[in-house]
Amino acid sequence: MGVLVEYMHTGVYGPACPPAVRVRVDAMMAAAPPAGAAAALRGRAERPDYRPLLAELDVPALVVGGSADPWSNDAVIAEIVAFLKHPEVVTIDDVGHLPNLEAEREFNDALGAFLLSHAPA
């Protein structure tokens, strides 16, 4: 699991990631059973393309990304947003692949504002 944890460091964390988040996520990844991690990676690689299903949604959708995420970068986010009818995009600076953990306050503020703006009167 050490090799996978080291690989994940290439993009999972942004430069502003709190050290406690790194410690917690690294420990979680390191504790995963290798067979389970391999199965999860295979499942991710073999998953179907869900983008056409996104086009069927006629509801507001919040898309949150980190400016330092090499895996869900601007191009990936734009591709997802192109399939959504009512997207709202929030990019959090200096955050990697885990905006909800790396920038908890900013993420929660964005989510809260989104939910309030779409709550029934």
PDB file of N, CA and C in Angstrom:
ATOM      1  N   MET A   1       0.824  -1.190   0.000  1.00  0.00           N
ATOM      2  CA  MET A   1       0.000   0.000   0.000  1.00  0.00           C
ATOM      3  C   MET A   1       0.865   1.249   0.000  1.00  0.00           C
ATOM      4  N   GLY A   2       2.101   1.128   0.426  1.00  0.00           N
ATOM      5  CA  GLY A   2       2.987   2.287   0.460  1.00  0.00           C
ATOM      6  C   GLY A   2       3.195   2.911  -0.909  1.00  0.00           C
ATOM      7  N   VAL A   3       3.293   2.078  -1.936  1.00  0.00           N
ATOM      8  CA  VAL A   3       3.476   2.590  -3.299  1.00  0.00           C
ATOM      9  C   VAL A   3       2.254   3.395  -3.723  1.00  0.00           C
ATOM     10  N   LEU A   4       1.071   2.892  -3.424  1.00  0.00           N
ATOM     11  CA  LEU A   4      -0.151   3.603  -3.785  1.00  0.00           C
ATOM     12  C   LEU A   4      -0.266   4.923  -3.020  1.00  0.00           C
ATOM     13  N   VAL A   5       0.044   4.886  -1.744  1.00  0.00           N
ATOM     14  CA  VAL A   5      -0.016   6.112  -0.949  1.00  0.00           C
ATOM     15  C   VAL A   5       0.948   7.155  -1.516  1.00  0.00           C
ATOM     16  N   GLU A   6       2.148   6.740  -1.858  1.00  0.00           N
ATOM     17  CA  GLU A   6       3.116   7.680  -2.449  1.00  0.00           C
ATOM     18  C   GLU A   6       2.618   8.214  -3.788  1.00  0.00           C
ATOM     19  N   TYR A   7       2.026   7.364  -4.607  1.00  0.00           N
ATOM     20  CA  TYR A   7       1.484   7.820  -5.887  1.00  0.00           C
ATOM     21  C   TYR A   7       0.375   8.851  -5.661  1.00  0.00           C
ATOM     22  N   MET A   8      -0.484   8.599  -4.709  1.00  0.00           N
ATOM     23  CA  MET A   8      -1.588   9.514  -4.452  1.00  0.00           C
ATOM     24  C   MET A   8      -1.079  10.903  -4.061  1.00  0.00           C
ATOM     25  N   HIS A   9       0.113  10.971  -3.501  1.00  0.00           N
ATOM     26  CA  HIS A   9       0.688  12.272  -3.138  1.00  0.00           C
ATOM     27  C   HIS A   9       0.944  13.143  -4.361  1.00  0.00           C
ATOM     28  N   THR A  10       0.954  12.560  -5.563  1.00  0.00           N
ATOM     29  CA  THR A  10       1.204  13.360  -6.768  1.00  0.00           C
ATOM     30  C   THR A  10       0.036  14.278  -7.101  1.00  0.00           C
ATOM     31  N   GLY A  11      -1.107  14.098  -6.464  1.00  0.00           N
ATOM     32  CA  GLY A  11      -2.212  14.962  -6.808  1.00  0.00           C
ATOM     33  C   GLY A  11      -3.321  15.070  -5.798  1.00  0.00           C
ATOM     34  N   VAL A  12      -3.344  14.176  -4.844  1.00  0.00           N
ATOM     35  CA  VAL A  12      -4.492  14.182  -3.940  1.00  0.00           C
ATOM     36  C   VAL A  12      -4.496  15.418  -3.043  1.00  0.00           C
ATOM     37  N   TYR A  13      -3.322  15.948  -2.684  1.00  0.00           N
ATOM     38  CA  TYR A  13      -3.250  17.094  -1.786  1.00  0.00           C
ATOM     39  C   TYR A  13      -2.775  18.341  -2.524  1.00  0.00           C
ATOM     40  N   GLY A  14      -3.399  19.457  -2.187  1.00  0.00           N
ATOM     41  CA  GLY A  14      -2.940  20.740  -2.696  1.00  0.00           C
ATOM     42  C   GLY A  14      -1.908  21.330  -1.752  1.00  0.00           C
ATOM     43  N   PRO A  15      -1.268  22.426  -2.148  1.00  0.00           N
ATOM     44  CA  PRO A  15      -0.218  23.020  -1.325  1.00  0.00           C
ATOM     45  C   PRO A  15      -0.716  23.571   0.013  1.00  0.00           C
ATOM     46  N   ALA A  16      -2.002  23.868   0.120  1.00  0.00           N
ATOM     47  CA  ALA A  16      -2.532  24.419   1.367  1.00  0.00           C
ATOM     48  C   ALA A  16      -3.180  23.358   2.252  1.00  0.00           C
ATOM     49  N   CYS A  17      -2.994  22.093   1.912  1.00  0.00           N
ATOM     50  CA  CYS A  17      -3.625  21.022   2.686  1.00  0.00           C
ATOM     51  C   CYS A  17      -3.097  21.015   4.125  1.00  0.00           C
ATOM     52  N   PRO A  18      -3.990  21.043   5.101  1.00  0.00           N
ATOM     53  CA  PRO A  18      -3.550  20.985   6.495  1.00  0.00           C
ATOM     54  C   PRO A  18      -2.826  19.663   6.787  1.00  0.00           C
ATOM     55  N   PRO A  19      -1.734  19.713   7.530  1.00  0.00           N
ATOM     56  CA  PRO A  19      -0.995  18.482   7.842  1.00  0.00           C
ATOM     57  C   PRO A  19      -1.864  17.397   8.485  1.00  0.00           C
ATOM     58  N   ALA A  20      -2.808  17.778   9.322  1.00  0.00           N
ATOM     59  CA  ALA A  20      -3.661  16.777   9.976  1.00  0.00           C
ATOM     60  C   ALA A  20      -4.504  16.006   8.961  1.00  0.00           C
ATOM     61  N   VAL A  21      -4.908  16.664   7.880  1.00  0.00           N
ATOM     62  CA  VAL A  21      -5.665  15.982   6.835  1.00  0.00           C
ATOM     63  C   VAL A  21      -4.770  14.965   6.137  1.00  0.00           C
ATOM     64  N   ARG A  22      -3.546  15.357   5.827  1.00  0.00           N
ATOM     65  CA  ARG A  22      -2.595  14.433   5.197  1.00  0.00           C
ATOM     66  C   ARG A  22      -2.383  13.197   6.060  1.00  0.00           C
ATOM     67  N   VAL A  23      -2.164  13.408   7.344  1.00  0.00           N
ATOM     68  CA  VAL A  23      -1.913  12.292   8.258  1.00  0.00           C
ATOM     69  C   VAL A  23      -3.117  11.354   8.284  1.00  0.00           C
ATOM     70  N   ARG A  24      -4.314  11.924   8.398  1.00  0.00           N
ATOM     71  CA  ARG A  24      -5.533  11.117   8.484  1.00  0.00           C
ATOM     72  C   ARG A  24      -5.797  10.337   7.205  1.00  0.00           C
ATOM     73  N   VAL A  25      -5.669  11.000   6.051  1.00  0.00           N
ATOM     74  CA  VAL A  25      -5.954  10.331   4.775  1.00  0.00           C
ATOM     75  C   VAL A  25      -4.867   9.315   4.455  1.00  0.00           C
ATOM     76  N   ASP A  26      -3.606   9.662   4.694  1.00  0.00           N
ATOM     77  CA  ASP A  26      -2.520   8.698   4.474  1.00  0.00           C
ATOM     78  C   ASP A  26      -2.721   7.436   5.324  1.00  0.00           C
ATOM     79  N   ALA A  27      -3.106   7.612   6.591  1.00  0.00           N
ATOM     80  CA  ALA A  27      -3.322   6.459   7.472  1.00  0.00           C
ATOM     81  C   ALA A  27      -4.478   5.609   6.962  1.00  0.00           C
ATOM     82  N   MET A  28      -5.542   6.255   6.489  1.00  0.00           N
ATOM     83  CA  MET A  28      -6.685   5.518   5.969  1.00  0.00           C
ATOM     84  C   MET A  28      -6.275   4.703   4.740  1.00  0.00           C
ATOM     85  N   MET A  29      -5.534   5.338   3.821  1.00  0.00           N
ATOM     86  CA  MET A  29      -5.104   4.617   2.618  1.00  0.00           C
ATOM     87  C   MET A  29      -4.148   3.480   2.972  1.00  0.00           C
ATOM     88  N   ALA A  30      -3.212   3.725   3.870  1.00  0.00           N
ATOM     89  CA  ALA A  30      -2.227   2.707   4.243  1.00  0.00           C
ATOM     90  C   ALA A  30      -2.874   1.512   4.929  1.00  0.00           C
ATOM     91  N   ALA A  31      -3.989   1.748   5.624  1.00  0.00           N
ATOM     92  CA  ALA A  31      -4.663   0.669   6.349  1.00  0.00           C
ATOM     93  C   ALA A  31      -5.587  -0.156   5.463  1.00  0.00           C
ATOM     94  N   ALA A  32      -5.830   0.285   4.257  1.00  0.00           N
ATOM     95  CA  ALA A  32      -6.733  -0.445   3.365  1.00  0.00           C
ATOM     96  C   ALA A  32      -6.119  -1.784   2.971  1.00  0.00           C
ATOM     97  N   PRO A  33      -6.912  -2.836   2.898  1.00  0.00           N
ATOM     98  CA  PRO A  33      -6.385  -4.121   2.439  1.00  0.00           C
ATOM     99  C   PRO A  33      -5.952  -3.992   0.970  1.00  0.00           C
ATOM    100  N   PRO A  34      -4.776  -4.485   0.617  1.00  0.00           N
ATOM    101  CA  PRO A  34      -4.313  -4.372  -0.775  1.00  0.00           C
ATOM    102  C   PRO A  34      -5.306  -4.945  -1.792  1.00  0.00           C
ATOM    103  N   ALA A  35      -5.933  -6.065  -1.480  1.00  0.00           N
ATOM    104  CA  ALA A  35      -6.892  -6.648  -2.423  1.00  0.00           C
ATOM    105  C   ALA A  35      -8.090  -5.715  -2.615  1.00  0.00           C
ATOM    106  N   GLY A  36      -8.526  -5.086  -1.554  1.00  0.00           N
ATOM    107  CA  GLY A  36      -9.643  -4.153  -1.654  1.00  0.00           C
ATOM    108  C   GLY A  36      -9.272  -2.916  -2.453  1.00  0.00           C
ATOM    109  N   ALA A  37      -8.066  -2.398  -2.233  1.00  0.00           N
ATOM    110  CA  ALA A  37      -7.607  -1.232  -2.987  1.00  0.00           C
ATOM    111  C   ALA A  37      -7.479  -1.566  -4.465  1.00  0.00           C
ATOM    112  N   ALA A  38      -6.957  -2.759  -4.765  1.00  0.00           N
ATOM    113  CA  ALA A  38      -6.829  -3.171  -6.170  1.00  0.00           C
ATOM    114  C   ALA A  38      -8.199  -3.311  -6.822  1.00  0.00           C
ATOM    115  N   ALA A  39      -9.158  -3.868  -6.100  1.00  0.00           N
ATOM    116  CA  ALA A  39     -10.507  -4.013  -6.646  1.00  0.00           C
ATOM    117  C   ALA A  39     -11.145  -2.646  -6.887  1.00  0.00           C
ATOM    118  N   ALA A  40     -10.923  -1.710  -5.964  1.00  0.00           N
ATOM    119  CA  ALA A  40     -11.476  -0.363  -6.137  1.00  0.00           C
ATOM    120  C   ALA A  40     -10.867   0.326  -7.360  1.00  0.00           C
ATOM    121  N   LEU A  41      -9.576   0.165  -7.558  1.00  0.00           N
ATOM    122  CA  LEU A  41      -8.918   0.765  -8.723  1.00  0.00           C
ATOM    123  C   LEU A  41      -9.414   0.134 -10.025  1.00  0.00           C
ATOM    124  N   ARG A  42      -9.590  -1.192 -10.020  1.00  0.00           N
ATOM    125  CA  ARG A  42     -10.141  -1.849 -11.210  1.00  0.00           C
ATOM    126  C   ARG A  42     -11.552  -1.358 -11.490  1.00  0.00           C
ATOM    127  N   GLY A  43     -12.357  -1.245 -10.452  1.00  0.00           N
ATOM    128  CA  GLY A  43     -13.714  -0.754 -10.615  1.00  0.00           C
ATOM    129  C   GLY A  43     -13.752   0.651 -11.181  1.00  0.00           C
ATOM    130  N   ARG A  44     -12.844   1.488 -10.729  1.00  0.00           N
ATOM    131  CA  ARG A  44     -12.775   2.858 -11.251  1.00  0.00           C
ATOM    132  C   ARG A  44     -12.377   2.840 -12.719  1.00  0.00           C
ATOM    133  N   ALA A  45     -11.432   2.002 -13.071  1.00  0.00           N
ATOM    134  CA  ALA A  45     -10.964   1.934 -14.460  1.00  0.00           C
ATOM    135  C   ALA A  45     -12.027   1.373 -15.397  1.00  0.00           C
ATOM    136  N   GLU A  46     -12.868   0.494 -14.888  1.00  0.00           N
ATOM    137  CA  GLU A  46     -13.861  -0.180 -15.723  1.00  0.00           C
ATOM    138  C   GLU A  46     -15.257   0.415 -15.608  1.00  0.00           C
ATOM    139  N   ARG A  47     -15.394   1.498 -14.874  1.00  0.00           N
ATOM    140  CA  ARG A  47     -16.737   2.052 -14.679  1.00  0.00           C
ATOM    141  C   ARG A  47     -17.293   2.591 -15.988  1.00  0.00           C
ATOM    142  N   PRO A  48     -18.605   2.553 -16.110  1.00  0.00           N
ATOM    143  CA  PRO A  48     -19.217   3.076 -17.336  1.00  0.00           C
ATOM    144  C   PRO A  48     -19.132   4.598 -17.382  1.00  0.00           C
ATOM    145  N   ASP A  49     -19.366   5.147 -18.534  1.00  0.00           N
ATOM    146  CA  ASP A  49     -19.380   6.589 -18.725  1.00  0.00           C
ATOM    147  C   ASP A  49     -20.740   7.120 -18.277  1.00  0.00           C
ATOM    148  N   TYR A  50     -20.760   7.841 -17.173  1.00  0.00           N
ATOM    149  CA  TYR A  50     -22.010   8.345 -16.618  1.00  0.00           C
ATOM    150  C   TYR A  50     -22.389   9.723 -17.155  1.00  0.00           C
ATOM    151  N   ARG A  51     -21.553  10.308 -17.986  1.00  0.00           N
ATOM    152  CA  ARG A  51     -21.852  11.658 -18.468  1.00  0.00           C
ATOM    153  C   ARG A  51     -23.192  11.763 -19.181  1.00  0.00           C
ATOM    154  N   PRO A  52     -23.583  10.814 -20.033  1.00  0.00           N
ATOM    155  CA  PRO A  52     -24.914  10.936 -20.659  1.00  0.00           C
ATOM    156  C   PRO A  52     -26.057  10.980 -19.642  1.00  0.00           C
ATOM    157  N   LEU A  53     -25.897  10.286 -18.522  1.00  0.00           N
ATOM    158  CA  LEU A  53     -26.927  10.329 -17.483  1.00  0.00           C
ATOM    159  C   LEU A  53     -27.016  11.711 -16.843  1.00  0.00           C
ATOM    160  N   LEU A  54     -25.878  12.400 -16.766  1.00  0.00           N
ATOM    161  CA  LEU A  54     -25.892  13.749 -16.212  1.00  0.00           C
ATOM    162  C   LEU A  54     -26.778  14.667 -17.037  1.00  0.00           C
ATOM    163  N   ALA A  55     -26.786  14.472 -18.340  1.00  0.00           N
ATOM    164  CA  ALA A  55     -27.586  15.304 -19.236  1.00  0.00           C
ATOM    165  C   ALA A  55     -29.083  15.133 -18.987  1.00  0.00           C
ATOM    166  N   GLU A  56     -29.470  14.045 -18.373  1.00  0.00           N
ATOM    167  CA  GLU A  56     -30.884  13.803 -18.079  1.00  0.00           C
ATOM    168  C   GLU A  56     -31.353  14.515 -16.809  1.00  0.00           C
ATOM    169  N   LEU A  57     -30.418  14.969 -16.007  1.00  0.00           N
ATOM    170  CA  LEU A  57     -30.778  15.647 -14.761  1.00  0.00           C
ATOM    171  C   LEU A  57     -31.273  17.057 -15.056  1.00  0.00           C
ATOM    172  N   ASP A  58     -32.412  17.405 -14.505  1.00  0.00           N
ATOM    173  CA  ASP A  58     -32.937  18.757 -14.681  1.00  0.00           C
ATOM    174  C   ASP A  58     -33.069  19.404 -13.297  1.00  0.00           C
ATOM    175  N   VAL A  59     -31.962  19.378 -12.588  1.00  0.00           N
ATOM    176  CA  VAL A  59     -31.891  19.955 -11.249  1.00  0.00           C
ATOM    177  C   VAL A  59     -30.586  20.734 -11.126  1.00  0.00           C
ATOM    178  N   PRO A  60     -30.533  21.680 -10.203  1.00  0.00           N
ATOM    179  CA  PRO A  60     -29.270  22.368  -9.972  1.00  0.00           C
ATOM    180  C   PRO A  60     -28.204  21.376  -9.508  1.00  0.00           C
ATOM    181  N   ALA A  61     -26.984  21.591  -9.953  1.00  0.00           N
ATOM    182  CA  ALA A  61     -25.879  20.697  -9.576  1.00  0.00           C
ATOM    183  C   ALA A  61     -24.676  21.537  -9.166  1.00  0.00           C
ATOM    184  N   LEU A  62     -24.116  21.214  -8.030  1.00  0.00           N
ATOM    185  CA  LEU A  62     -22.921  21.902  -7.544  1.00  0.00           C
ATOM    186  C   LEU A  62     -21.701  21.070  -7.897  1.00  0.00           C
ATOM    187  N   VAL A  63     -20.735  21.701  -8.549  1.00  0.00           N
ATOM    188  CA  VAL A  63     -19.480  21.050  -8.915  1.00  0.00           C
ATOM    189  C   VAL A  63     -18.372  21.829  -8.217  1.00  0.00           C
ATOM    190  N   VAL A  64     -17.668  21.168  -7.301  1.00  0.00           N
ATOM    191  CA  VAL A  64     -16.605  21.819  -6.534  1.00  0.00           C
ATOM    192  C   VAL A  64     -15.282  21.175  -6.892  1.00  0.00           C
ATOM    193  N   GLY A  65     -14.307  21.986  -7.196  1.00  0.00           N
ATOM    194  CA  GLY A  65     -12.976  21.480  -7.515  1.00  0.00           C
ATOM    195  C   GLY A  65     -11.908  22.317  -6.851  1.00  0.00           C
ATOM    196  N   GLY A  66     -10.722  21.753  -6.821  1.00  0.00           N
ATOM    197  CA  GLY A  66      -9.571  22.470  -6.281  1.00  0.00           C
ATOM    198  C   GLY A  66      -8.667  22.930  -7.409  1.00  0.00           C
ATOM    199  N   SER A  67      -8.114  24.105  -7.280  1.00  0.00           N
ATOM    200  CA  SER A  67      -7.252  24.643  -8.338  1.00  0.00           C
ATOM    201  C   SER A  67      -5.961  23.851  -8.505  1.00  0.00           C
ATOM    202  N   ALA A  68      -5.598  23.058  -7.495  1.00  0.00           N
ATOM    203  CA  ALA A  68      -4.362  22.277  -7.554  1.00  0.00           C
ATOM    204  C   ALA A  68      -4.639  20.790  -7.745  1.00  0.00           C
ATOM    205  N   ASP A  69      -5.794  20.448  -8.301  1.00  0.00           N
ATOM    206  CA  ASP A  69      -6.154  19.049  -8.523  1.00  0.00           C
ATOM    207  C   ASP A  69      -5.799  18.667  -9.958  1.00  0.00           C
ATOM    208  N   PRO A  70      -4.775  17.835 -10.147  1.00  0.00           N
ATOM    209  CA  PRO A  70      -4.388  17.468 -11.510  1.00  0.00           C
ATOM    210  C   PRO A  70      -5.323  16.445 -12.149  1.00  0.00           C
ATOM    211  N   TRP A  71      -6.139  15.768 -11.348  1.00  0.00           N
ATOM    212  CA  TRP A  71      -7.009  14.721 -11.874  1.00  0.00           C
ATOM    213  C   TRP A  71      -8.374  15.276 -12.264  1.00  0.00           C
ATOM    214  N   SER A  72      -8.890  16.185 -11.495  1.00  0.00           N
ATOM    215  CA  SER A  72     -10.162  16.849 -11.822  1.00  0.00           C
ATOM    216  C   SER A  72      -9.855  18.313 -12.107  1.00  0.00           C
ATOM    217  N   ASN A  73      -9.081  18.526 -13.131  1.00  0.00           N
ATOM    218  CA  ASN A  73      -8.634  19.872 -13.483  1.00  0.00           C
ATOM    219  C   ASN A  73      -9.730  20.641 -14.222  1.00  0.00           C
ATOM    220  N   ASP A  74      -9.396  21.839 -14.687  1.00  0.00           N
ATOM    221  CA  ASP A  74     -10.386  22.682 -15.367  1.00  0.00           C
ATOM    222  C   ASP A  74     -11.019  21.981 -16.561  1.00  0.00           C
ATOM    223  N   ALA A  75     -10.232  21.232 -17.317  1.00  0.00           N
ATOM    224  CA  ALA A  75     -10.759  20.543 -18.503  1.00  0.00           C
ATOM    225  C   ALA A  75     -11.764  19.465 -18.107  1.00  0.00           C
ATOM    226  N   VAL A  76     -11.470  18.725 -17.071  1.00  0.00           N
ATOM    227  CA  VAL A  76     -12.379  17.672 -16.606  1.00  0.00           C
ATOM    228  C   VAL A  76     -13.657  18.294 -16.063  1.00  0.00           C
ATOM    229  N   ILE A  77     -13.509  19.345 -15.282  1.00  0.00           N
ATOM    230  CA  ILE A  77     -14.683  20.015 -14.734  1.00  0.00           C
ATOM    231  C   ILE A  77     -15.541  20.588 -15.860  1.00  0.00           C
ATOM    232  N   ALA A  78     -14.910  21.210 -16.854  1.00  0.00           N
ATOM    233  CA  ALA A  78     -15.662  21.764 -17.989  1.00  0.00           C
ATOM    234  C   ALA A  78     -16.413  20.667 -18.736  1.00  0.00           C
ATOM    235  N   GLU A  79     -15.807  19.518 -18.857  1.00  0.00           N
ATOM    236  CA  GLU A  79     -16.461  18.400 -19.540  1.00  0.00           C
ATOM    237  C   GLU A  79     -17.695  17.930 -18.769  1.00  0.00           C
ATOM    238  N   ILE A  80     -17.577  17.841 -17.460  1.00  0.00           N
ATOM    239  CA  ILE A  80     -18.715  17.448 -16.638  1.00  0.00           C
ATOM    240  C   ILE A  80     -19.812  18.507 -16.710  1.00  0.00           C
ATOM    241  N   VAL A  81     -19.425  19.762 -16.560  1.00  0.00           N
ATOM    242  CA  VAL A  81     -20.383  20.870 -16.571  1.00  0.00           C
ATOM    243  C   VAL A  81     -21.135  20.937 -17.896  1.00  0.00           C
ATOM    244  N   ALA A  82     -20.474  20.579 -18.985  1.00  0.00           N
ATOM    245  CA  ALA A  82     -21.109  20.619 -20.299  1.00  0.00           C
ATOM    246  C   ALA A  82     -22.306  19.672 -20.387  1.00  0.00           C
ATOM    247  N   PHE A  83     -22.352  18.657 -19.544  1.00  0.00           N
ATOM    248  CA  PHE A  83     -23.457  17.701 -19.560  1.00  0.00           C
ATOM    249  C   PHE A  83     -24.590  18.087 -18.602  1.00  0.00           C
ATOM    250  N   LEU A  84     -24.352  19.083 -17.778  1.00  0.00           N
ATOM    251  CA  LEU A  84     -25.344  19.477 -16.780  1.00  0.00           C
ATOM    252  C   LEU A  84     -26.200  20.633 -17.287  1.00  0.00           C
ATOM    253  N   LYS A  85     -27.491  20.607 -16.964  1.00  0.00           N
ATOM    254  CA  LYS A  85     -28.387  21.679 -17.396  1.00  0.00           C
ATOM    255  C   LYS A  85     -28.279  22.919 -16.514  1.00  0.00           C
ATOM    256  N   HIS A  86     -28.015  22.721 -15.221  1.00  0.00           N
ATOM    257  CA  HIS A  86     -28.002  23.847 -14.278  1.00  0.00           C
ATOM    258  C   HIS A  86     -26.784  23.754 -13.346  1.00  0.00           C
ATOM    259  N   PRO A  87     -25.577  23.828 -13.907  1.00  0.00           N
ATOM    260  CA  PRO A  87     -24.395  23.687 -13.053  1.00  0.00           C
ATOM    261  C   PRO A  87     -24.018  24.985 -12.340  1.00  0.00           C
ATOM    262  N   GLU A  88     -23.480  24.808 -11.173  1.00  0.00           N
ATOM    263  CA  GLU A  88     -22.841  25.898 -10.442  1.00  0.00           C
ATOM    264  C   GLU A  88     -21.457  25.387 -10.066  1.00  0.00           C
ATOM    265  N   VAL A  89     -20.437  26.111 -10.488  1.00  0.00           N
ATOM    266  CA  VAL A  89     -19.060  25.667 -10.288  1.00  0.00           C
ATOM    267  C   VAL A  89     -18.377  26.534  -9.244  1.00  0.00           C
ATOM    268  N   VAL A  90     -17.697  25.879  -8.329  1.00  0.00           N
ATOM    269  CA  VAL A  90     -16.888  26.561  -7.323  1.00  0.00           C
ATOM    270  C   VAL A  90     -15.493  25.956  -7.390  1.00  0.00           C
ATOM    271  N   THR A  91     -14.499  26.803  -7.532  1.00  0.00           N
ATOM    272  CA  THR A  91     -13.104  26.350  -7.496  1.00  0.00           C
ATOM    273  C   THR A  91     -12.454  26.957  -6.265  1.00  0.00           C
ATOM    274  N   ILE A  92     -11.834  26.103  -5.468  1.00  0.00           N
ATOM    275  CA  ILE A  92     -11.174  26.550  -4.247  1.00  0.00           C
ATOM    276  C   ILE A  92      -9.666  26.559  -4.506  1.00  0.00           C
ATOM    277  N   ASP A  93      -9.040  27.704  -4.306  1.00  0.00           N
ATOM    278  CA  ASP A  93      -7.621  27.875  -4.597  1.00  0.00           C
ATOM    279  C   ASP A  93      -6.726  27.014  -3.712  1.00  0.00           C
ATOM    280  N   ASP A  94      -5.639  26.536  -4.315  1.00  0.00           N
ATOM    281  CA  ASP A  94      -4.575  25.790  -3.626  1.00  0.00           C
ATOM    282  C   ASP A  94      -5.042  24.489  -2.990  1.00  0.00           C
ATOM    283  N   VAL A  95      -6.139  23.948  -3.494  1.00  0.00           N
ATOM    284  CA  VAL A  95      -6.698  22.701  -2.966  1.00  0.00           C
ATOM    285  C   VAL A  95      -6.547  21.621  -4.025  1.00  0.00           C
ATOM    286  N   GLY A  96      -6.267  20.411  -3.578  1.00  0.00           N
ATOM    287  CA  GLY A  96      -6.126  19.280  -4.486  1.00  0.00           C
ATOM    288  C   GLY A  96      -7.438  18.547  -4.688  1.00  0.00           C
ATOM    289  N   HIS A  97      -7.392  17.229  -4.620  1.00  0.00           N
ATOM    290  CA  HIS A  97      -8.520  16.373  -4.973  1.00  0.00           C
ATOM    291  C   HIS A  97      -9.555  16.223  -3.858  1.00  0.00           C
ATOM    292  N   LEU A  98      -9.278  16.771  -2.688  1.00  0.00           N
ATOM    293  CA  LEU A  98     -10.160  16.584  -1.533  1.00  0.00           C
ATOM    294  C   LEU A  98     -10.640  17.925  -0.971  1.00  0.00           C
ATOM    295  N   PRO A  99     -11.354  18.716  -1.754  1.00  0.00           N
ATOM    296  CA  PRO A  99     -11.718  20.050  -1.268  1.00  0.00           C
ATOM    297  C   PRO A  99     -12.547  20.032   0.011  1.00  0.00           C
ATOM    298  N   ASN A 100     -13.385  19.010   0.188  1.00  0.00           N
ATOM    299  CA  ASN A 100     -14.205  18.944   1.394  1.00  0.00           C
ATOM    300  C   ASN A 100     -13.376  18.709   2.651  1.00  0.00           C
ATOM    301  N   LEU A 101     -12.194  18.133   2.500  1.00  0.00           N
ATOM    302  CA  LEU A 101     -11.313  17.901   3.646  1.00  0.00           C
ATOM    303  C   LEU A 101     -10.220  18.965   3.754  1.00  0.00           C
ATOM    304  N   GLU A 102      -9.668  19.357   2.627  1.00  0.00           N
ATOM    305  CA  GLU A 102      -8.552  20.300   2.626  1.00  0.00           C
ATOM    306  C   GLU A 102      -8.976  21.727   2.973  1.00  0.00           C
ATOM    307  N   ALA A 103     -10.164  22.097   2.554  1.00  0.00           N
ATOM    308  CA  ALA A 103     -10.673  23.449   2.792  1.00  0.00           C
ATOM    309  C   ALA A 103     -12.109  23.319   3.296  1.00  0.00           C
ATOM    310  N   GLU A 104     -12.222  22.714   4.448  1.00  0.00           N
ATOM    311  CA  GLU A 104     -13.535  22.356   4.982  1.00  0.00           C
ATOM    312  C   GLU A 104     -14.466  23.567   5.092  1.00  0.00           C
ATOM    313  N   ARG A 105     -13.972  24.679   5.609  1.00  0.00           N
ATOM    314  CA  ARG A 105     -14.819  25.858   5.773  1.00  0.00           C
ATOM    315  C   ARG A 105     -15.309  26.382   4.438  1.00  0.00           C
ATOM    316  N   GLU A 106     -14.397  26.539   3.469  1.00  0.00           N
ATOM    317  CA  GLU A 106     -14.777  27.054   2.156  1.00  0.00           C
ATOM    318  C   GLU A 106     -15.752  26.105   1.451  1.00  0.00           C
ATOM    319  N   PHE A 107     -15.479  24.817   1.549  1.00  0.00           N
ATOM    320  CA  PHE A 107     -16.375  23.830   0.942  1.00  0.00           C
ATOM    321  C   PHE A 107     -17.766  23.904   1.576  1.00  0.00           C
ATOM    322  N   ASN A 108     -17.813  23.902   2.907  1.00  0.00           N
ATOM    323  CA  ASN A 108     -19.102  23.943   3.586  1.00  0.00           C
ATOM    324  C   ASN A 108     -19.851  25.240   3.301  1.00  0.00           C
ATOM    325  N   ASP A 109     -19.126  26.354   3.194  1.00  0.00           N
ATOM    326  CA  ASP A 109     -19.770  27.624   2.851  1.00  0.00           C
ATOM    327  C   ASP A 109     -20.391  27.541   1.453  1.00  0.00           C
ATOM    328  N   ALA A 110     -19.645  26.985   0.502  1.00  0.00           N
ATOM    329  CA  ALA A 110     -20.156  26.861  -0.872  1.00  0.00           C
ATOM    330  C   ALA A 110     -21.360  25.928  -0.913  1.00  0.00           C
ATOM    331  N   LEU A 111     -21.274  24.799  -0.218  1.00  0.00           N
ATOM    332  CA  LEU A 111     -22.384  23.851  -0.185  1.00  0.00           C
ATOM    333  C   LEU A 111     -23.598  24.468   0.504  1.00  0.00           C
ATOM    334  N   GLY A 112     -23.376  25.128   1.623  1.00  0.00           N
ATOM    335  CA  GLY A 112     -24.478  25.762   2.337  1.00  0.00           C
ATOM    336  C   GLY A 112     -25.172  26.824   1.492  1.00  0.00           C
ATOM    337  N   ALA A 113     -24.393  27.662   0.814  1.00  0.00           N
ATOM    338  CA  ALA A 113     -24.972  28.702  -0.042  1.00  0.00           C
ATOM    339  C   ALA A 113     -25.770  28.071  -1.188  1.00  0.00           C
ATOM    340  N   PHE A 114     -25.223  27.011  -1.768  1.00  0.00           N
ATOM    341  CA  PHE A 114     -25.925  26.305  -2.846  1.00  0.00           C
ATOM    342  C   PHE A 114     -27.262  25.747  -2.356  1.00  0.00           C
ATOM    343  N   LEU A 115     -27.234  25.066  -1.227  1.00  0.00           N
ATOM    344  CA  LEU A 115     -28.458  24.479  -0.699  1.00  0.00           C
ATOM    345  C   LEU A 115     -29.490  25.547  -0.322  1.00  0.00           C
ATOM    346  N   LEU A 116     -29.030  26.636   0.304  1.00  0.00           N
ATOM    347  CA  LEU A 116     -29.956  27.710   0.655  1.00  0.00           C
ATOM    348  C   LEU A 116     -30.563  28.374  -0.566  1.00  0.00           C
ATOM    349  N   SER A 117     -29.765  28.515  -1.626  1.00  0.00           N
ATOM    350  CA  SER A 117     -30.278  29.175  -2.818  1.00  0.00           C
ATOM    351  C   SER A 117     -31.304  28.323  -3.570  1.00  0.00           C
ATOM    352  N   HIS A 118     -31.335  27.051  -3.278  1.00  0.00           N
ATOM    353  CA  HIS A 118     -32.276  26.163  -3.956  1.00  0.00           C
ATOM    354  C   HIS A 118     -33.299  25.540  -3.018  1.00  0.00           C
ATOM    355  N   ALA A 119     -33.343  26.008  -1.791  1.00  0.00           N
ATOM    356  CA  ALA A 119     -34.315  25.482  -0.826  1.00  0.00           C
ATOM    357  C   ALA A 119     -35.704  26.006  -1.151  1.00  0.00           C
ATOM    358  N   PRO A 120     -36.709  25.195  -0.938  1.00  0.00           N
ATOM    359  CA  PRO A 120     -38.085  25.692  -1.135  1.00  0.00           C
ATOM    360  C   PRO A 120     -38.356  26.874  -0.212  1.00  0.00           C
ATOM    361  N   ALA A 121     -39.163  27.784  -0.666  1.00  0.00           N
ATOM    362  CA  ALA A 121     -39.460  28.997   0.117  1.00  0.00           C
ATOM    363  C   ALA A 121     -40.190  28.672   1.394  1.00  0.00           C
TER     364      ALA A 121
END
